[in-house]
């Protein structure tokens, strides 16, 4: 019979937090302070850990936001979408002079 991994080992192996050293993509964290699905402190902790590792990361907090940032305030929903589009422009658009594959 194969040995089963312990609960702590399984948690460590499956937790994104313990694999942040492998992140190579810029990370944008948009987090509602009233989020009960993913606690606000977990988002902050992820951000600070990424920055400590020298990764490109940005954290934006929404005071009245919950898990769905588009549900609570029109102003915040517009801000979320604006930030996402700006992030895409900054990190996904090809730089001038580079060719894209077709």
PDB file of N, CA and C in Angstrom:
ATOM      1  N   UNK A   1       0.839  -1.177   0.000  1.00  0.00           N
ATOM      2  CA  UNK A   1       0.000   0.000   0.000  1.00  0.00           C
ATOM      3  C   UNK A   1       0.886   1.243   0.000  1.00  0.00           C
ATOM      4  N   UNK A   2       0.581   2.170  -0.879  1.00  0.00           N
ATOM      5  CA  UNK A   2       1.370   3.400  -0.991  1.00  0.00           C
ATOM      6  C   UNK A   2       1.119   4.290   0.219  1.00  0.00           C
ATOM      7  N   UNK A   3       2.166   4.964   0.640  1.00  0.00           N
ATOM      8  CA  UNK A   3       2.040   5.876   1.786  1.00  0.00           C
ATOM      9  C   UNK A   3       1.244   7.103   1.369  1.00  0.00           C
ATOM     10  N   UNK A   4       0.319   7.489   2.206  1.00  0.00           N
ATOM     11  CA  UNK A   4      -0.480   8.685   1.928  1.00  0.00           C
ATOM     12  C   UNK A   4       0.243   9.892   2.502  1.00  0.00           C
ATOM     13  N   UNK A   5       0.190  10.992   1.775  1.00  0.00           N
ATOM     14  CA  UNK A   5       0.825  12.203   2.285  1.00  0.00           C
ATOM     15  C   UNK A   5      -0.009  12.776   3.425  1.00  0.00           C
ATOM     16  N   UNK A   6       0.663  13.419   4.338  1.00  0.00           N
ATOM     17  CA  UNK A   6      -0.037  14.013   5.468  1.00  0.00           C
ATOM     18  C   UNK A   6      -0.772  15.267   5.019  1.00  0.00           C
ATOM     19  N   UNK A   7      -1.709  15.686   5.837  1.00  0.00           N
ATOM     20  CA  UNK A   7      -2.484  16.896   5.537  1.00  0.00           C
ATOM     21  C   UNK A   7      -1.558  18.109   5.392  1.00  0.00           C
ATOM     22  N   UNK A   8      -0.606  18.328   6.319  1.00  0.00           N
ATOM     23  CA  UNK A   8       0.284  19.488   6.146  1.00  0.00           C
ATOM     24  C   UNK A   8       1.108  19.422   4.851  1.00  0.00           C
ATOM     25  N   UNK A   9       1.583  18.233   4.501  1.00  0.00           N
ATOM     26  CA  UNK A   9       2.347  18.099   3.248  1.00  0.00           C
ATOM     27  C   UNK A   9       1.478  18.425   2.044  1.00  0.00           C
ATOM     28  N   UNK A  10       0.239  17.950   2.065  1.00  0.00           N
ATOM     29  CA  UNK A  10      -0.668  18.219   0.955  1.00  0.00           C
ATOM     30  C   UNK A  10      -0.972  19.707   0.862  1.00  0.00           C
ATOM     31  N   UNK A  11      -1.184  20.349   1.999  1.00  0.00           N
ATOM     32  CA  UNK A  11      -1.453  21.785   2.021  1.00  0.00           C
ATOM     33  C   UNK A  11      -0.276  22.555   1.430  1.00  0.00           C
ATOM     34  N   UNK A  12       0.921  22.235   1.873  1.00  0.00           N
ATOM     35  CA  UNK A  12       2.117  22.937   1.382  1.00  0.00           C
ATOM     36  C   UNK A  12       2.311  22.719  -0.113  1.00  0.00           C
ATOM     37  N   UNK A  13       2.041  21.528  -0.599  1.00  0.00           N
ATOM     38  CA  UNK A  13       2.259  21.241  -2.014  1.00  0.00           C
ATOM     39  C   UNK A  13       1.217  21.900  -2.909  1.00  0.00           C
ATOM     40  N   UNK A  14       0.020  22.165  -2.369  1.00  0.00           N
ATOM     41  CA  UNK A  14      -1.064  22.712  -3.191  1.00  0.00           C
ATOM     42  C   UNK A  14      -1.322  24.194  -2.975  1.00  0.00           C
ATOM     43  N   UNK A  15      -0.662  24.793  -2.024  1.00  0.00           N
ATOM     44  CA  UNK A  15      -0.871  26.207  -1.736  1.00  0.00           C
ATOM     45  C   UNK A  15      -0.039  27.072  -2.678  1.00  0.00           C
ATOM     46  N   UNK A  16      -0.706  27.968  -3.377  1.00  0.00           N
ATOM     47  CA  UNK A  16       0.007  28.864  -4.296  1.00  0.00           C
ATOM     48  C   UNK A  16       1.057  29.692  -3.565  1.00  0.00           C
ATOM     49  N   UNK A  17       0.782  30.035  -2.328  1.00  0.00           N
ATOM     50  CA  UNK A  17       1.700  30.876  -1.558  1.00  0.00           C
ATOM     51  C   UNK A  17       3.098  30.258  -1.472  1.00  0.00           C
ATOM     52  N   UNK A  18       3.175  28.951  -1.368  1.00  0.00           N
ATOM     53  CA  UNK A  18       4.455  28.290  -1.210  1.00  0.00           C
ATOM     54  C   UNK A  18       5.144  27.987  -2.539  1.00  0.00           C
ATOM     55  N   UNK A  19       4.610  28.524  -3.627  1.00  0.00           N
ATOM     56  CA  UNK A  19       5.212  28.337  -4.951  1.00  0.00           C
ATOM     57  C   UNK A  19       5.451  29.679  -5.650  1.00  0.00           C
ATOM     58  N   UNK A  20       5.420  30.751  -4.898  1.00  0.00           N
ATOM     59  CA  UNK A  20       5.577  32.077  -5.501  1.00  0.00           C
ATOM     60  C   UNK A  20       6.950  32.286  -6.122  1.00  0.00           C
ATOM     61  N   UNK A  21       7.930  31.527  -5.710  1.00  0.00           N
ATOM     62  CA  UNK A  21       9.257  31.646  -6.311  1.00  0.00           C
ATOM     63  C   UNK A  21       9.233  31.251  -7.783  1.00  0.00           C
ATOM     64  N   UNK A  22       8.212  30.522  -8.217  1.00  0.00           N
ATOM     65  CA  UNK A  22       8.102  30.077  -9.607  1.00  0.00           C
ATOM     66  C   UNK A  22       7.346  31.068 -10.484  1.00  0.00           C
ATOM     67  N   UNK A  23       6.801  32.119  -9.897  1.00  0.00           N
ATOM     68  CA  UNK A  23       6.031  33.117 -10.650  1.00  0.00           C
ATOM     69  C   UNK A  23       6.983  33.932 -11.519  1.00  0.00           C
ATOM     70  N   UNK A  24       6.676  33.995 -12.811  1.00  0.00           N
ATOM     71  CA  UNK A  24       7.484  34.785 -13.741  1.00  0.00           C
ATOM     72  C   UNK A  24       6.658  35.845 -14.460  1.00  0.00           C
ATOM     73  N   UNK A  25       5.382  35.863 -14.203  1.00  0.00           N
ATOM     74  CA  UNK A  25       4.458  36.773 -14.859  1.00  0.00           C
ATOM     75  C   UNK A  25       4.071  37.883 -13.893  1.00  0.00           C
ATOM     76  N   UNK A  26       4.003  39.131 -14.352  1.00  0.00           N
ATOM     77  CA  UNK A  26       3.530  40.207 -13.482  1.00  0.00           C
ATOM     78  C   UNK A  26       2.139  39.887 -12.935  1.00  0.00           C
ATOM     79  N   UNK A  27       1.922  40.207 -11.662  1.00  0.00           N
ATOM     80  CA  UNK A  27       0.680  39.842 -10.983  1.00  0.00           C
ATOM     81  C   UNK A  27      -0.049  41.107 -10.532  1.00  0.00           C
ATOM     82  N   UNK A  28      -1.330  41.200 -10.888  1.00  0.00           N
ATOM     83  CA  UNK A  28      -2.205  42.276 -10.454  1.00  0.00           C
ATOM     84  C   UNK A  28      -3.227  41.684  -9.492  1.00  0.00           C
ATOM     85  N   UNK A  29      -3.222  42.158  -8.258  1.00  0.00           N
ATOM     86  CA  UNK A  29      -4.175  41.683  -7.250  1.00  0.00           C
ATOM     87  C   UNK A  29      -5.153  42.813  -6.951  1.00  0.00           C
ATOM     88  N   UNK A  30      -6.417  42.586  -7.271  1.00  0.00           N
ATOM     89  CA  UNK A  30      -7.495  43.528  -6.992  1.00  0.00           C
ATOM     90  C   UNK A  30      -8.349  42.887  -5.917  1.00  0.00           C
ATOM     91  N   UNK A  31      -8.415  43.505  -4.738  1.00  0.00           N
ATOM     92  CA  UNK A  31      -9.008  42.807  -3.602  1.00  0.00           C
ATOM     93  C   UNK A  31      -9.977  43.692  -2.826  1.00  0.00           C
ATOM     94  N   UNK A  32     -11.155  43.152  -2.586  1.00  0.00           N
ATOM     95  CA  UNK A  32     -12.137  43.834  -1.746  1.00  0.00           C
ATOM     96  C   UNK A  32     -11.843  43.587  -0.281  1.00  0.00           C
ATOM     97  N   UNK A  33     -11.889  44.631   0.516  1.00  0.00           N
ATOM     98  CA  UNK A  33     -11.603  44.502   1.944  1.00  0.00           C
ATOM     99  C   UNK A  33     -12.664  43.688   2.681  1.00  0.00           C
ATOM    100  N   UNK A  34     -13.848  43.547   2.092  1.00  0.00           N
ATOM    101  CA  UNK A  34     -14.926  42.790   2.722  1.00  0.00           C
ATOM    102  C   UNK A  34     -15.090  41.398   2.117  1.00  0.00           C
ATOM    103  N   UNK A  35     -14.079  40.937   1.415  1.00  0.00           N
ATOM    104  CA  UNK A  35     -14.103  39.611   0.792  1.00  0.00           C
ATOM    105  C   UNK A  35     -14.013  38.549   1.875  1.00  0.00           C
ATOM    106  N   UNK A  36     -15.019  37.697   1.962  1.00  0.00           N
ATOM    107  CA  UNK A  36     -15.012  36.609   2.940  1.00  0.00           C
ATOM    108  C   UNK A  36     -14.638  35.275   2.296  1.00  0.00           C
ATOM    109  N   UNK A  37     -14.504  35.246   0.966  1.00  0.00           N
ATOM    110  CA  UNK A  37     -14.094  34.027   0.267  1.00  0.00           C
ATOM    111  C   UNK A  37     -12.584  33.873   0.342  1.00  0.00           C
ATOM    112  N   UNK A  38     -11.876  34.923   0.001  1.00  0.00           N
ATOM    113  CA  UNK A  38     -10.422  34.983   0.157  1.00  0.00           C
ATOM    114  C   UNK A  38     -10.168  36.190   1.050  1.00  0.00           C
ATOM    115  N   UNK A  39      -9.759  35.933   2.255  1.00  0.00           N
ATOM    116  CA  UNK A  39      -9.625  37.013   3.229  1.00  0.00           C
ATOM    117  C   UNK A  39      -8.633  38.067   2.760  1.00  0.00           C
ATOM    118  N   UNK A  40      -8.939  39.309   3.088  1.00  0.00           N
ATOM    119  CA  UNK A  40      -8.135  40.446   2.638  1.00  0.00           C
ATOM    120  C   UNK A  40      -6.666  40.282   3.012  1.00  0.00           C
ATOM    121  N   UNK A  41      -6.395  39.817   4.209  1.00  0.00           N
ATOM    122  CA  UNK A  41      -5.015  39.629   4.652  1.00  0.00           C
ATOM    123  C   UNK A  41      -4.244  38.634   3.795  1.00  0.00           C
ATOM    124  N   UNK A  42      -4.943  37.652   3.216  1.00  0.00           N
ATOM    125  CA  UNK A  42      -4.283  36.686   2.344  1.00  0.00           C
ATOM    126  C   UNK A  42      -3.827  37.349   1.047  1.00  0.00           C
ATOM    127  N   UNK A  43      -4.641  38.259   0.524  1.00  0.00           N
ATOM    128  CA  UNK A  43      -4.245  38.996  -0.671  1.00  0.00           C
ATOM    129  C   UNK A  43      -3.038  39.878  -0.406  1.00  0.00           C
ATOM    130  N   UNK A  44      -3.071  40.562   0.743  1.00  0.00           N
ATOM    131  CA  UNK A  44      -1.922  41.393   1.128  1.00  0.00           C
ATOM    132  C   UNK A  44      -0.659  40.542   1.305  1.00  0.00           C
ATOM    133  N   UNK A  45      -0.811  39.409   1.964  1.00  0.00           N
ATOM    134  CA  UNK A  45       0.323  38.534   2.204  1.00  0.00           C
ATOM    135  C   UNK A  45       0.923  38.037   0.883  1.00  0.00           C
ATOM    136  N   UNK A  46       0.071  37.697  -0.064  1.00  0.00           N
ATOM    137  CA  UNK A  46       0.539  37.250  -1.381  1.00  0.00           C
ATOM    138  C   UNK A  46       1.325  38.368  -2.066  1.00  0.00           C
ATOM    139  N   UNK A  47       0.788  39.575  -2.015  1.00  0.00           N
ATOM    140  CA  UNK A  47       1.455  40.722  -2.628  1.00  0.00           C
ATOM    141  C   UNK A  47       2.829  40.969  -2.009  1.00  0.00           C
ATOM    142  N   UNK A  48       2.872  41.038  -0.677  1.00  0.00           N
ATOM    143  CA  UNK A  48       4.145  41.331  -0.016  1.00  0.00           C
ATOM    144  C   UNK A  48       5.168  40.216  -0.246  1.00  0.00           C
ATOM    145  N   UNK A  49       4.712  38.987  -0.294  1.00  0.00           N
ATOM    146  CA  UNK A  49       5.629  37.874  -0.566  1.00  0.00           C
ATOM    147  C   UNK A  49       6.188  37.979  -1.983  1.00  0.00           C
ATOM    148  N   UNK A  50       5.331  38.294  -2.952  1.00  0.00           N
ATOM    149  CA  UNK A  50       5.803  38.467  -4.335  1.00  0.00           C
ATOM    150  C   UNK A  50       6.839  39.580  -4.423  1.00  0.00           C
ATOM    151  N   UNK A  51       6.557  40.699  -3.781  1.00  0.00           N
ATOM    152  CA  UNK A  51       7.501  41.823  -3.811  1.00  0.00           C
ATOM    153  C   UNK A  51       8.813  41.463  -3.119  1.00  0.00           C
ATOM    154  N   UNK A  52       8.727  40.742  -2.005  1.00  0.00           N
ATOM    155  CA  UNK A  52       9.927  40.320  -1.280  1.00  0.00           C
ATOM    156  C   UNK A  52      10.806  39.437  -2.157  1.00  0.00           C
ATOM    157  N   UNK A  53      10.165  38.661  -3.046  1.00  0.00           N
ATOM    158  CA  UNK A  53      10.890  37.786  -3.965  1.00  0.00           C
ATOM    159  C   UNK A  53      11.371  38.528  -5.214  1.00  0.00           C
ATOM    160  N   UNK A  54      11.099  39.835  -5.288  1.00  0.00           N
ATOM    161  CA  UNK A  54      11.530  40.625  -6.433  1.00  0.00           C
ATOM    162  C   UNK A  54      10.640  40.491  -7.655  1.00  0.00           C
ATOM    163  N   UNK A  55       9.426  40.002  -7.454  1.00  0.00           N
ATOM    164  CA  UNK A  55       8.483  39.821  -8.566  1.00  0.00           C
ATOM    165  C   UNK A  55       7.720  41.119  -8.815  1.00  0.00           C
ATOM    166  N   UNK A  56       7.264  41.282 -10.045  1.00  0.00           N
ATOM    167  CA  UNK A  56       6.439  42.438 -10.393  1.00  0.00           C
ATOM    168  C   UNK A  56       5.023  42.168  -9.921  1.00  0.00           C
ATOM    169  N   UNK A  57       4.538  43.014  -9.008  1.00  0.00           N
ATOM    170  CA  UNK A  57       3.193  42.832  -8.471  1.00  0.00           C
ATOM    171  C   UNK A  57       2.616  44.181  -8.079  1.00  0.00           C
ATOM    172  N   UNK A  58       1.303  44.280  -8.227  1.00  0.00           N
ATOM    173  CA  UNK A  58       0.570  45.476  -7.811  1.00  0.00           C
ATOM    174  C   UNK A  58      -0.646  45.023  -7.030  1.00  0.00           C
ATOM    175  N   UNK A  59      -0.951  45.746  -5.969  1.00  0.00           N
ATOM    176  CA  UNK A  59      -2.084  45.415  -5.105  1.00  0.00           C
ATOM    177  C   UNK A  59      -2.989  46.633  -5.004  1.00  0.00           C
ATOM    178  N   UNK A  60      -4.273  46.436  -5.269  1.00  0.00           N
ATOM    179  CA  UNK A  60      -5.252  47.513  -5.158  1.00  0.00           C
ATOM    180  C   UNK A  60      -6.361  47.035  -4.231  1.00  0.00           C
ATOM    181  N   UNK A  61      -6.637  47.825  -3.201  1.00  0.00           N
ATOM    182  CA  UNK A  61      -7.680  47.487  -2.234  1.00  0.00           C
ATOM    183  C   UNK A  61      -8.923  48.325  -2.494  1.00  0.00           C
ATOM    184  N   UNK A  62     -10.080  47.681  -2.372  1.00  0.00           N
ATOM    185  CA  UNK A  62     -11.369  48.356  -2.518  1.00  0.00           C
ATOM    186  C   UNK A  62     -12.093  48.249  -1.180  1.00  0.00           C
ATOM    187  N   UNK A  63     -12.292  49.387  -0.513  1.00  0.00           N
ATOM    188  CA  UNK A  63     -12.823  49.420   0.852  1.00  0.00           C
ATOM    189  C   UNK A  63     -14.172  48.733   0.985  1.00  0.00           C
ATOM    190  N   UNK A  64     -15.044  48.892   0.024  1.00  0.00           N
ATOM    191  CA  UNK A  64     -16.382  48.302   0.120  1.00  0.00           C
ATOM    192  C   UNK A  64     -16.535  47.044  -0.718  1.00  0.00           C
ATOM    193  N   UNK A  65     -15.448  46.557  -1.266  1.00  0.00           N
ATOM    194  CA  UNK A  65     -15.511  45.410  -2.160  1.00  0.00           C
ATOM    195  C   UNK A  65     -15.617  44.089  -1.438  1.00  0.00           C
ATOM    196  N   UNK A  66     -16.341  43.167  -2.066  1.00  0.00           N
ATOM    197  CA  UNK A  66     -16.374  41.805  -1.559  1.00  0.00           C
ATOM    198  C   UNK A  66     -15.644  40.924  -2.579  1.00  0.00           C
ATOM    199  N   UNK A  67     -16.044  39.674  -2.732  1.00  0.00           N
ATOM    200  CA  UNK A  67     -15.320  38.789  -3.652  1.00  0.00           C
ATOM    201  C   UNK A  67     -15.563  39.162  -5.119  1.00  0.00           C
ATOM    202  N   UNK A  68     -16.731  39.691  -5.423  1.00  0.00           N
ATOM    203  CA  UNK A  68     -17.039  40.125  -6.783  1.00  0.00           C
ATOM    204  C   UNK A  68     -16.922  41.637  -6.846  1.00  0.00           C
ATOM    205  N   UNK A  69     -15.815  42.112  -7.357  1.00  0.00           N
ATOM    206  CA  UNK A  69     -15.568  43.549  -7.357  1.00  0.00           C
ATOM    207  C   UNK A  69     -16.491  44.309  -8.302  1.00  0.00           C
ATOM    208  N   UNK A  70     -17.187  43.612  -9.186  1.00  0.00           N
ATOM    209  CA  UNK A  70     -18.078  44.312 -10.118  1.00  0.00           C
ATOM    210  C   UNK A  70     -19.489  44.431  -9.581  1.00  0.00           C
ATOM    211  N   UNK A  71     -19.776  43.859  -8.415  1.00  0.00           N
ATOM    212  CA  UNK A  71     -21.143  43.783  -7.914  1.00  0.00           C
ATOM    213  C   UNK A  71     -21.529  44.906  -6.969  1.00  0.00           C
ATOM    214  N   UNK A  72     -20.584  45.558  -6.339  1.00  0.00           N
ATOM    215  CA  UNK A  72     -20.940  46.441  -5.237  1.00  0.00           C
ATOM    216  C   UNK A  72     -21.008  47.914  -5.580  1.00  0.00           C
ATOM    217  N   UNK A  73     -20.183  48.387  -6.481  1.00  0.00           N
ATOM    218  CA  UNK A  73     -20.144  49.814  -6.777  1.00  0.00           C
ATOM    219  C   UNK A  73     -19.783  50.033  -8.241  1.00  0.00           C
ATOM    220  N   UNK A  74     -20.541  50.868  -8.889  1.00  0.00           N
ATOM    221  CA  UNK A  74     -20.254  51.154 -10.302  1.00  0.00           C
ATOM    222  C   UNK A  74     -18.865  51.774 -10.445  1.00  0.00           C
ATOM    223  N   UNK A  75     -18.512  52.689  -9.563  1.00  0.00           N
ATOM    224  CA  UNK A  75     -17.207  53.350  -9.632  1.00  0.00           C
ATOM    225  C   UNK A  75     -16.076  52.338  -9.473  1.00  0.00           C
ATOM    226  N   UNK A  76     -16.211  51.428  -8.520  1.00  0.00           N
ATOM    227  CA  UNK A  76     -15.171  50.415  -8.331  1.00  0.00           C
ATOM    228  C   UNK A  76     -15.116  49.450  -9.506  1.00  0.00           C
ATOM    229  N   UNK A  77     -16.289  49.069 -10.028  1.00  0.00           N
ATOM    230  CA  UNK A  77     -16.320  48.162 -11.182  1.00  0.00           C
ATOM    231  C   UNK A  77     -15.601  48.801 -12.372  1.00  0.00           C
ATOM    232  N   UNK A  78     -15.845  50.085 -12.602  1.00  0.00           N
ATOM    233  CA  UNK A  78     -15.160  50.783 -13.692  1.00  0.00           C
ATOM    234  C   UNK A  78     -13.657  50.857 -13.433  1.00  0.00           C
ATOM    235  N   UNK A  79     -13.276  51.108 -12.183  1.00  0.00           N
ATOM    236  CA  UNK A  79     -11.862  51.175 -11.841  1.00  0.00           C
ATOM    237  C   UNK A  79     -11.178  49.822 -12.046  1.00  0.00           C
ATOM    238  N   UNK A  80     -11.843  48.749 -11.618  1.00  0.00           N
ATOM    239  CA  UNK A  80     -11.296  47.395 -11.804  1.00  0.00           C
ATOM    240  C   UNK A  80     -11.037  47.132 -13.278  1.00  0.00           C
ATOM    241  N   UNK A  81     -12.039  47.406 -14.112  1.00  0.00           N
ATOM    242  CA  UNK A  81     -11.893  47.149 -15.552  1.00  0.00           C
ATOM    243  C   UNK A  81     -10.821  48.027 -16.181  1.00  0.00           C
ATOM    244  N   UNK A  82     -10.745  49.290 -15.765  1.00  0.00           N
ATOM    245  CA  UNK A  82      -9.704  50.190 -16.282  1.00  0.00           C
ATOM    246  C   UNK A  82      -8.320  49.655 -15.932  1.00  0.00           C
ATOM    247  N   UNK A  83      -8.147  49.244 -14.679  1.00  0.00           N
ATOM    248  CA  UNK A  83      -6.843  48.732 -14.237  1.00  0.00           C
ATOM    249  C   UNK A  83      -6.446  47.459 -14.979  1.00  0.00           C
ATOM    250  N   UNK A  84      -7.417  46.578 -15.212  1.00  0.00           N
ATOM    251  CA  UNK A  84      -7.129  45.339 -15.942  1.00  0.00           C
ATOM    252  C   UNK A  84      -6.694  45.656 -17.362  1.00  0.00           C
ATOM    253  N   UNK A  85      -7.420  46.556 -18.029  1.00  0.00           N
ATOM    254  CA  UNK A  85      -7.047  46.915 -19.401  1.00  0.00           C
ATOM    255  C   UNK A  85      -5.678  47.578 -19.453  1.00  0.00           C
ATOM    256  N   UNK A  86      -5.382  48.447 -18.494  1.00  0.00           N
ATOM    257  CA  UNK A  86      -4.054  49.080 -18.439  1.00  0.00           C
ATOM    258  C   UNK A  86      -2.963  48.034 -18.197  1.00  0.00           C
ATOM    259  N   UNK A  87      -3.252  47.058 -17.340  1.00  0.00           N
ATOM    260  CA  UNK A  87      -2.295  45.985 -17.052  1.00  0.00           C
ATOM    261  C   UNK A  87      -2.018  45.175 -18.322  1.00  0.00           C
ATOM    262  N   UNK A  88      -3.092  44.851 -19.046  1.00  0.00           N
ATOM    263  CA  UNK A  88      -2.925  44.124 -20.307  1.00  0.00           C
ATOM    264  C   UNK A  88      -2.094  44.937 -21.292  1.00  0.00           C
ATOM    265  N   UNK A  89      -2.386  46.232 -21.398  1.00  0.00           N
ATOM    266  CA  UNK A  89      -1.609  47.085 -22.296  1.00  0.00           C
ATOM    267  C   UNK A  89      -0.133  47.090 -21.914  1.00  0.00           C
ATOM    268  N   UNK A  90       0.133  47.148 -20.632  1.00  0.00           N
ATOM    269  CA  UNK A  90       1.511  47.230 -20.148  1.00  0.00           C
ATOM    270  C   UNK A  90       2.273  45.923 -20.347  1.00  0.00           C
ATOM    271  N   UNK A  91       1.616  44.793 -20.124  1.00  0.00           N
ATOM    272  CA  UNK A  91       2.360  43.534 -20.091  1.00  0.00           C
ATOM    273  C   UNK A  91       2.040  42.536 -21.200  1.00  0.00           C
ATOM    274  N   UNK A  92       0.979  42.763 -21.959  1.00  0.00           N
ATOM    275  CA  UNK A  92       0.618  41.807 -22.994  1.00  0.00           C
ATOM    276  C   UNK A  92       0.789  42.318 -24.418  1.00  0.00           C
ATOM    277  N   UNK A  93       0.837  43.622 -24.591  1.00  0.00           N
ATOM    278  CA  UNK A  93       1.019  44.148 -25.934  1.00  0.00           C
ATOM    279  C   UNK A  93       2.452  43.928 -26.390  1.00  0.00           C
ATOM    280  N   UNK A  94       2.630  43.557 -27.652  1.00  0.00           N
ATOM    281  CA  UNK A  94       4.000  43.404 -28.145  1.00  0.00           C
ATOM    282  C   UNK A  94       4.716  44.758 -28.161  1.00  0.00           C
ATOM    283  N   UNK A  95       5.983  44.730 -27.895  1.00  0.00           N
ATOM    284  CA  UNK A  95       6.759  45.968 -27.949  1.00  0.00           C
ATOM    285  C   UNK A  95       6.970  46.346 -29.408  1.00  0.00           C
ATOM    286  N   UNK A  96       7.073  47.636 -29.696  1.00  0.00           N
ATOM    287  CA  UNK A  96       7.272  48.065 -31.085  1.00  0.00           C
ATOM    288  C   UNK A  96       8.484  47.384 -31.697  1.00  0.00           C
ATOM    289  N   UNK A  97       8.311  46.922 -32.919  1.00  0.00           N
ATOM    290  CA  UNK A  97       9.418  46.274 -33.621  1.00  0.00           C
ATOM    291  C   UNK A  97       9.441  44.760 -33.482  1.00  0.00           C
ATOM    292  N   UNK A  98       8.600  44.208 -32.597  1.00  0.00           N
ATOM    293  CA  UNK A  98       8.559  42.754 -32.479  1.00  0.00           C
ATOM    294  C   UNK A  98       7.449  42.217 -33.359  1.00  0.00           C
ATOM    295  N   UNK A  99       7.663  41.020 -33.828  1.00  0.00           N
ATOM    296  CA  UNK A  99       6.661  40.388 -34.694  1.00  0.00           C
ATOM    297  C   UNK A  99       5.818  39.428 -33.878  1.00  0.00           C
ATOM    298  N   UNK A 100       4.540  39.375 -34.207  1.00  0.00           N
ATOM    299  CA  UNK A 100       3.654  38.423 -33.538  1.00  0.00           C
ATOM    300  C   UNK A 100       3.478  37.193 -34.421  1.00  0.00           C
ATOM    301  N   UNK A 101       3.277  36.032 -33.824  1.00  0.00           N
ATOM    302  CA  UNK A 101       3.057  34.820 -34.580  1.00  0.00           C
ATOM    303  C   UNK A 101       1.639  34.805 -35.110  1.00  0.00           C
ATOM    304  N   UNK A 102       1.476  34.224 -36.299  1.00  0.00           N
ATOM    305  CA  UNK A 102       0.135  34.133 -36.879  1.00  0.00           C
ATOM    306  C   UNK A 102      -0.218  32.695 -37.131  1.00  0.00           C
TER     307      UNK A 102
END
